[in-house]
């Protein structure tokens, strides 16, 4: 994926090593930019490519695209611009300032931020 993005004119602008925390499932995040477009390539810390997607801080991010299909873990919520905060943020003290700012970004984009899926 990184070679493809580079060949499409994207520049690798950042590499963030998330560490080897089992609850994040994220090993490394590579950020690519081209003009005003940003693509994050997320490397799993285990053999499952989708594990990092399913532990993001917000359900609105739990989606992925494959060559012939699209997956959304919370399609109903996402289509209504509802997003549930991942409770693991509270269990592992991961509600940091950058994460809080990311939540605000989704709020500013019109998402209703929920504490539970029944809200």
N, C-alpha and C. Protein backbone atom coordinates (compact mmCIF):
# COMPACT_ATOMS: atom_id res chain seq x y z
N UNK A 1 0.83 -1.19 0.00
CA UNK A 1 0.00 0.00 0.00
C UNK A 1 0.87 1.25 0.00
N UNK A 2 1.95 1.24 0.77
CA UNK A 2 2.81 2.42 0.82
C UNK A 2 3.46 2.69 -0.54
N UNK A 3 3.85 1.62 -1.25
CA UNK A 3 4.42 1.80 -2.60
C UNK A 3 3.38 2.36 -3.56
N UNK A 4 2.15 1.86 -3.45
CA UNK A 4 1.07 2.34 -4.31
C UNK A 4 0.82 3.83 -4.08
N UNK A 5 0.72 4.24 -2.82
CA UNK A 5 0.47 5.65 -2.52
C UNK A 5 1.62 6.53 -3.00
N UNK A 6 2.83 6.07 -2.80
CA UNK A 6 3.99 6.84 -3.28
C UNK A 6 3.96 6.99 -4.80
N UNK A 7 3.62 5.91 -5.50
CA UNK A 7 3.55 5.98 -6.96
C UNK A 7 2.40 6.86 -7.44
N UNK A 8 1.39 7.07 -6.59
CA UNK A 8 0.26 7.93 -6.94
C UNK A 8 0.50 9.39 -6.54
N UNK A 9 1.73 9.69 -6.11
CA UNK A 9 2.06 11.08 -5.81
C UNK A 9 1.90 11.49 -4.36
N UNK A 10 1.59 10.56 -3.48
CA UNK A 10 1.46 10.88 -2.06
C UNK A 10 2.84 10.86 -1.40
N UNK A 11 3.06 11.74 -0.45
CA UNK A 11 4.31 11.79 0.30
C UNK A 11 4.09 11.25 1.70
N UNK A 12 5.01 10.44 2.17
CA UNK A 12 4.93 9.92 3.54
C UNK A 12 5.37 11.05 4.47
N UNK A 13 4.44 11.60 5.23
CA UNK A 13 4.73 12.77 6.06
C UNK A 13 4.96 12.44 7.52
N UNK A 14 4.56 11.25 7.97
CA UNK A 14 4.74 10.90 9.37
C UNK A 14 4.67 9.40 9.56
N UNK A 15 5.41 8.93 10.56
CA UNK A 15 5.36 7.53 10.99
C UNK A 15 5.23 7.55 12.50
N UNK A 16 4.16 6.93 12.99
CA UNK A 16 3.93 6.88 14.43
C UNK A 16 3.92 5.42 14.87
N UNK A 17 4.82 5.07 15.78
CA UNK A 17 4.85 3.72 16.34
C UNK A 17 3.98 3.70 17.58
N UNK A 18 2.88 2.98 17.51
CA UNK A 18 1.91 2.97 18.60
C UNK A 18 2.33 2.07 19.75
N UNK A 19 3.35 1.28 19.55
CA UNK A 19 3.75 0.35 20.60
C UNK A 19 3.07 -0.98 20.40
N UNK A 20 3.26 -1.85 21.32
CA UNK A 20 2.72 -3.20 21.19
C UNK A 20 1.67 -3.45 22.26
N UNK A 21 0.66 -2.62 22.30
CA UNK A 21 -0.41 -2.76 23.27
C UNK A 21 -1.50 -3.65 22.69
N UNK A 22 -1.81 -4.72 23.36
CA UNK A 22 -2.78 -5.70 22.84
C UNK A 22 -4.15 -5.08 22.60
N UNK A 23 -4.55 -4.10 23.43
CA UNK A 23 -5.89 -3.54 23.29
C UNK A 23 -5.99 -2.56 22.13
N UNK A 24 -4.88 -2.10 21.57
CA UNK A 24 -4.98 -1.20 20.42
C UNK A 24 -4.90 -1.96 19.11
N UNK A 25 -4.13 -3.02 19.06
CA UNK A 25 -3.91 -3.82 17.86
C UNK A 25 -3.21 -3.03 16.76
N UNK A 26 -2.75 -1.82 17.07
CA UNK A 26 -2.07 -0.98 16.10
C UNK A 26 -0.57 -1.00 16.40
N UNK A 27 0.20 -1.34 15.38
CA UNK A 27 1.66 -1.32 15.53
C UNK A 27 2.23 0.01 15.05
N UNK A 28 1.90 0.38 13.81
CA UNK A 28 2.46 1.60 13.22
C UNK A 28 1.40 2.28 12.36
N UNK A 29 1.42 3.61 12.37
CA UNK A 29 0.55 4.41 11.50
C UNK A 29 1.45 5.23 10.58
N UNK A 30 1.28 5.04 9.27
CA UNK A 30 2.00 5.80 8.26
C UNK A 30 1.03 6.82 7.68
N UNK A 31 1.39 8.09 7.71
CA UNK A 31 0.53 9.14 7.18
C UNK A 31 1.09 9.63 5.85
N UNK A 32 0.22 9.66 4.85
CA UNK A 32 0.57 10.12 3.51
C UNK A 32 -0.29 11.33 3.16
N UNK A 33 0.30 12.31 2.50
CA UNK A 33 -0.41 13.51 2.09
C UNK A 33 -0.19 13.78 0.61
N UNK A 34 -1.24 14.30 -0.02
CA UNK A 34 -1.17 14.79 -1.40
C UNK A 34 -2.14 15.95 -1.48
N UNK A 35 -1.60 17.14 -1.63
CA UNK A 35 -2.41 18.36 -1.60
C UNK A 35 -3.19 18.40 -0.29
N UNK A 36 -4.51 18.46 -0.36
CA UNK A 36 -5.31 18.51 0.88
C UNK A 36 -5.86 17.14 1.28
N UNK A 37 -5.37 16.07 0.66
CA UNK A 37 -5.83 14.71 0.97
C UNK A 37 -4.86 14.02 1.91
N UNK A 38 -5.42 13.29 2.86
CA UNK A 38 -4.62 12.57 3.84
C UNK A 38 -5.07 11.11 3.89
N UNK A 39 -4.10 10.20 3.88
CA UNK A 39 -4.38 8.77 3.98
C UNK A 39 -3.51 8.21 5.09
N UNK A 40 -4.13 7.52 6.05
CA UNK A 40 -3.38 6.82 7.09
C UNK A 40 -3.37 5.34 6.75
N UNK A 41 -2.19 4.75 6.70
CA UNK A 41 -2.03 3.31 6.51
C UNK A 41 -1.67 2.75 7.87
N UNK A 42 -2.48 1.84 8.37
CA UNK A 42 -2.31 1.31 9.72
C UNK A 42 -1.83 -0.13 9.65
N UNK A 43 -0.71 -0.37 10.30
CA UNK A 43 -0.11 -1.70 10.34
C UNK A 43 -0.53 -2.38 11.64
N UNK A 44 -1.09 -3.57 11.52
CA UNK A 44 -1.54 -4.34 12.67
C UNK A 44 -0.36 -4.89 13.45
N UNK A 45 -0.56 -5.07 14.77
CA UNK A 45 0.50 -5.69 15.57
C UNK A 45 0.30 -7.20 15.69
N UNK A 46 -0.66 -7.75 14.92
CA UNK A 46 -0.85 -9.20 14.90
C UNK A 46 -1.21 -9.63 13.48
N UNK A 47 -1.59 -10.88 13.31
CA UNK A 47 -1.84 -11.40 11.96
C UNK A 47 -3.18 -10.95 11.36
N UNK A 48 -4.02 -10.30 12.13
CA UNK A 48 -5.32 -9.85 11.63
C UNK A 48 -5.21 -8.42 11.11
N UNK A 49 -5.51 -8.24 9.84
CA UNK A 49 -5.46 -6.91 9.25
C UNK A 49 -6.61 -6.02 9.72
N UNK A 50 -7.74 -6.61 10.12
CA UNK A 50 -8.87 -5.78 10.53
C UNK A 50 -8.90 -5.52 12.03
N UNK A 51 -8.08 -6.18 12.81
CA UNK A 51 -8.09 -5.98 14.27
C UNK A 51 -7.94 -4.51 14.66
N UNK A 52 -7.01 -3.74 14.07
CA UNK A 52 -6.90 -2.33 14.47
C UNK A 52 -8.17 -1.52 14.18
N UNK A 53 -8.85 -1.85 13.10
CA UNK A 53 -10.05 -1.11 12.72
C UNK A 53 -11.14 -1.28 13.78
N UNK A 54 -11.24 -2.47 14.34
CA UNK A 54 -12.32 -2.76 15.27
C UNK A 54 -12.06 -2.27 16.69
N UNK A 55 -10.91 -1.65 16.93
CA UNK A 55 -10.63 -1.10 18.26
C UNK A 55 -10.39 0.41 18.22
N UNK A 56 -10.77 1.07 17.12
CA UNK A 56 -10.64 2.52 17.07
C UNK A 56 -11.46 3.17 18.17
N UNK A 57 -11.15 4.41 18.46
CA UNK A 57 -11.79 5.14 19.55
C UNK A 57 -13.24 5.50 19.29
N UNK A 58 -13.70 5.38 18.05
CA UNK A 58 -15.05 5.80 17.70
C UNK A 58 -15.61 4.86 16.63
N UNK A 59 -16.86 4.46 16.79
CA UNK A 59 -17.44 3.51 15.84
C UNK A 59 -17.53 4.06 14.42
N UNK A 60 -17.54 5.37 14.27
CA UNK A 60 -17.60 5.97 12.93
C UNK A 60 -16.36 5.61 12.11
N UNK A 61 -15.30 5.16 12.77
CA UNK A 61 -14.05 4.80 12.07
C UNK A 61 -13.92 3.31 11.83
N UNK A 62 -14.88 2.54 12.27
CA UNK A 62 -14.79 1.07 12.16
C UNK A 62 -15.37 0.60 10.84
N UNK A 63 -14.73 1.02 9.76
CA UNK A 63 -15.15 0.71 8.40
C UNK A 63 -13.92 0.41 7.56
N UNK A 64 -14.09 -0.38 6.52
CA UNK A 64 -12.99 -0.57 5.58
C UNK A 64 -13.54 -0.94 4.22
N UNK A 65 -12.70 -0.71 3.22
CA UNK A 65 -13.06 -0.95 1.83
C UNK A 65 -12.17 -2.07 1.30
N UNK A 66 -12.78 -3.01 0.59
CA UNK A 66 -12.06 -4.10 -0.09
C UNK A 66 -12.31 -3.96 -1.59
N UNK A 67 -11.62 -4.70 -2.40
CA UNK A 67 -11.80 -4.52 -3.85
C UNK A 67 -13.24 -4.65 -4.34
N UNK A 68 -14.03 -5.53 -3.73
CA UNK A 68 -15.39 -5.74 -4.23
C UNK A 68 -16.48 -5.56 -3.19
N UNK A 69 -16.14 -4.98 -2.05
CA UNK A 69 -17.17 -4.75 -1.03
C UNK A 69 -16.72 -3.69 -0.02
N UNK A 70 -17.68 -3.27 0.77
CA UNK A 70 -17.46 -2.28 1.82
C UNK A 70 -17.99 -2.88 3.11
N UNK A 71 -17.28 -2.66 4.22
CA UNK A 71 -17.71 -3.16 5.51
C UNK A 71 -17.85 -1.99 6.48
N UNK A 72 -18.93 -1.97 7.23
CA UNK A 72 -19.14 -0.99 8.29
C UNK A 72 -19.66 -1.74 9.51
N UNK A 73 -18.88 -1.72 10.59
CA UNK A 73 -19.27 -2.45 11.80
C UNK A 73 -20.54 -1.88 12.42
N UNK A 74 -20.76 -0.61 12.25
CA UNK A 74 -21.94 0.06 12.82
C UNK A 74 -22.62 0.87 11.72
N UNK A 75 -23.04 0.20 10.68
CA UNK A 75 -23.59 0.87 9.51
C UNK A 75 -24.79 1.76 9.85
N UNK A 76 -25.67 1.27 10.69
CA UNK A 76 -26.85 2.06 11.07
C UNK A 76 -26.47 3.36 11.76
N UNK A 77 -25.60 3.25 12.73
CA UNK A 77 -25.14 4.46 13.43
C UNK A 77 -24.40 5.40 12.48
N UNK A 78 -23.48 4.84 11.71
CA UNK A 78 -22.66 5.67 10.83
C UNK A 78 -23.52 6.39 9.80
N UNK A 79 -24.50 5.71 9.22
CA UNK A 79 -25.35 6.35 8.21
C UNK A 79 -26.22 7.46 8.80
N UNK A 80 -26.49 7.40 10.11
CA UNK A 80 -27.25 8.45 10.79
C UNK A 80 -26.33 9.49 11.44
N UNK A 81 -25.03 9.39 11.19
CA UNK A 81 -24.00 10.24 11.79
C UNK A 81 -24.04 10.17 13.32
N UNK A 82 -24.20 8.94 13.81
CA UNK A 82 -24.05 8.66 15.24
C UNK A 82 -22.76 7.88 15.42
N UNK A 83 -22.02 8.18 16.46
CA UNK A 83 -20.77 7.48 16.72
C UNK A 83 -20.67 7.18 18.22
N UNK A 84 -20.39 5.93 18.54
CA UNK A 84 -20.26 5.50 19.92
C UNK A 84 -18.79 5.50 20.29
N UNK A 85 -18.48 6.05 21.47
CA UNK A 85 -17.10 6.04 21.97
C UNK A 85 -16.76 4.62 22.41
N UNK A 86 -15.59 4.15 22.01
CA UNK A 86 -15.12 2.82 22.40
C UNK A 86 -14.85 2.81 23.91
N UNK A 87 -15.53 1.95 24.67
CA UNK A 87 -15.34 1.94 26.14
C UNK A 87 -13.92 1.58 26.57
N UNK A 88 -13.13 0.99 25.68
CA UNK A 88 -11.74 0.68 26.01
C UNK A 88 -10.93 1.94 26.29
N UNK A 89 -11.38 3.09 25.77
CA UNK A 89 -10.69 4.35 26.07
C UNK A 89 -10.66 4.61 27.56
N UNK A 90 -11.75 4.27 28.22
CA UNK A 90 -11.86 4.53 29.66
C UNK A 90 -11.17 3.42 30.46
N UNK A 91 -11.25 2.19 29.98
CA UNK A 91 -10.63 1.06 30.68
C UNK A 91 -9.12 1.13 30.69
N UNK A 92 -8.54 1.74 29.68
CA UNK A 92 -7.08 1.77 29.56
C UNK A 92 -6.52 3.19 29.58
N UNK A 93 -7.29 4.13 30.13
CA UNK A 93 -6.84 5.52 30.26
C UNK A 93 -6.32 6.09 28.95
N UNK A 94 -7.02 5.83 27.84
CA UNK A 94 -6.58 6.28 26.53
C UNK A 94 -7.32 7.53 26.05
N UNK A 95 -8.14 8.14 26.92
CA UNK A 95 -8.83 9.36 26.51
C UNK A 95 -7.87 10.53 26.70
N UNK A 96 -6.95 10.64 25.76
CA UNK A 96 -5.89 11.65 25.80
C UNK A 96 -6.36 12.92 25.11
N UNK A 97 -5.56 13.96 25.19
CA UNK A 97 -5.90 15.21 24.50
C UNK A 97 -6.04 15.01 22.99
N UNK A 98 -5.09 14.32 22.32
CA UNK A 98 -5.28 14.11 20.87
C UNK A 98 -6.57 13.33 20.55
N UNK A 99 -6.90 12.34 21.36
CA UNK A 99 -8.14 11.58 21.13
C UNK A 99 -9.35 12.47 21.36
N UNK A 100 -9.31 13.29 22.40
CA UNK A 100 -10.42 14.22 22.68
C UNK A 100 -10.60 15.20 21.52
N UNK A 101 -9.49 15.69 20.98
CA UNK A 101 -9.58 16.61 19.84
C UNK A 101 -10.15 15.90 18.61
N UNK A 102 -9.82 14.63 18.44
CA UNK A 102 -10.38 13.87 17.33
C UNK A 102 -11.89 13.69 17.50
N UNK A 103 -12.34 13.47 18.73
CA UNK A 103 -13.78 13.37 18.99
C UNK A 103 -14.47 14.68 18.64
N UNK A 104 -13.86 15.79 19.01
CA UNK A 104 -14.41 17.11 18.69
C UNK A 104 -14.50 17.30 17.18
N UNK A 105 -13.48 16.79 16.45
CA UNK A 105 -13.49 16.91 14.98
C UNK A 105 -14.73 16.22 14.41
N UNK A 106 -15.05 15.04 14.89
CA UNK A 106 -16.23 14.34 14.39
C UNK A 106 -17.51 15.06 14.80
N UNK A 107 -17.53 15.61 16.00
CA UNK A 107 -18.68 16.41 16.46
C UNK A 107 -18.86 17.60 15.51
N UNK A 108 -17.76 18.28 15.19
CA UNK A 108 -17.81 19.43 14.28
C UNK A 108 -18.27 19.03 12.88
N UNK A 109 -18.05 17.78 12.48
CA UNK A 109 -18.49 17.29 11.16
C UNK A 109 -19.94 16.79 11.20
N UNK A 110 -20.63 17.02 12.32
CA UNK A 110 -22.05 16.70 12.39
C UNK A 110 -22.40 15.38 13.05
N UNK A 111 -21.42 14.66 13.58
CA UNK A 111 -21.70 13.39 14.26
C UNK A 111 -22.21 13.65 15.68
N UNK A 112 -23.19 12.87 16.07
CA UNK A 112 -23.65 12.88 17.46
C UNK A 112 -22.81 11.83 18.18
N UNK A 113 -22.08 12.23 19.20
CA UNK A 113 -21.19 11.33 19.93
C UNK A 113 -21.98 10.71 21.08
N UNK A 114 -22.02 9.37 21.11
CA UNK A 114 -22.80 8.62 22.09
C UNK A 114 -21.89 7.83 23.02
N UNK A 115 -22.34 7.62 24.26
CA UNK A 115 -21.57 6.81 25.20
C UNK A 115 -21.92 5.33 25.08
N UNK A 116 -23.13 5.04 24.61
CA UNK A 116 -23.53 3.63 24.41
C UNK A 116 -24.31 3.55 23.11
N UNK A 117 -24.40 2.35 22.56
CA UNK A 117 -25.14 2.18 21.31
C UNK A 117 -26.64 2.30 21.51
N UNK A 118 -27.11 2.29 22.77
CA UNK A 118 -28.54 2.44 23.04
C UNK A 118 -28.93 3.90 23.24
N UNK A 119 -27.98 4.82 23.22
CA UNK A 119 -28.26 6.24 23.48
C UNK A 119 -29.14 6.83 22.40
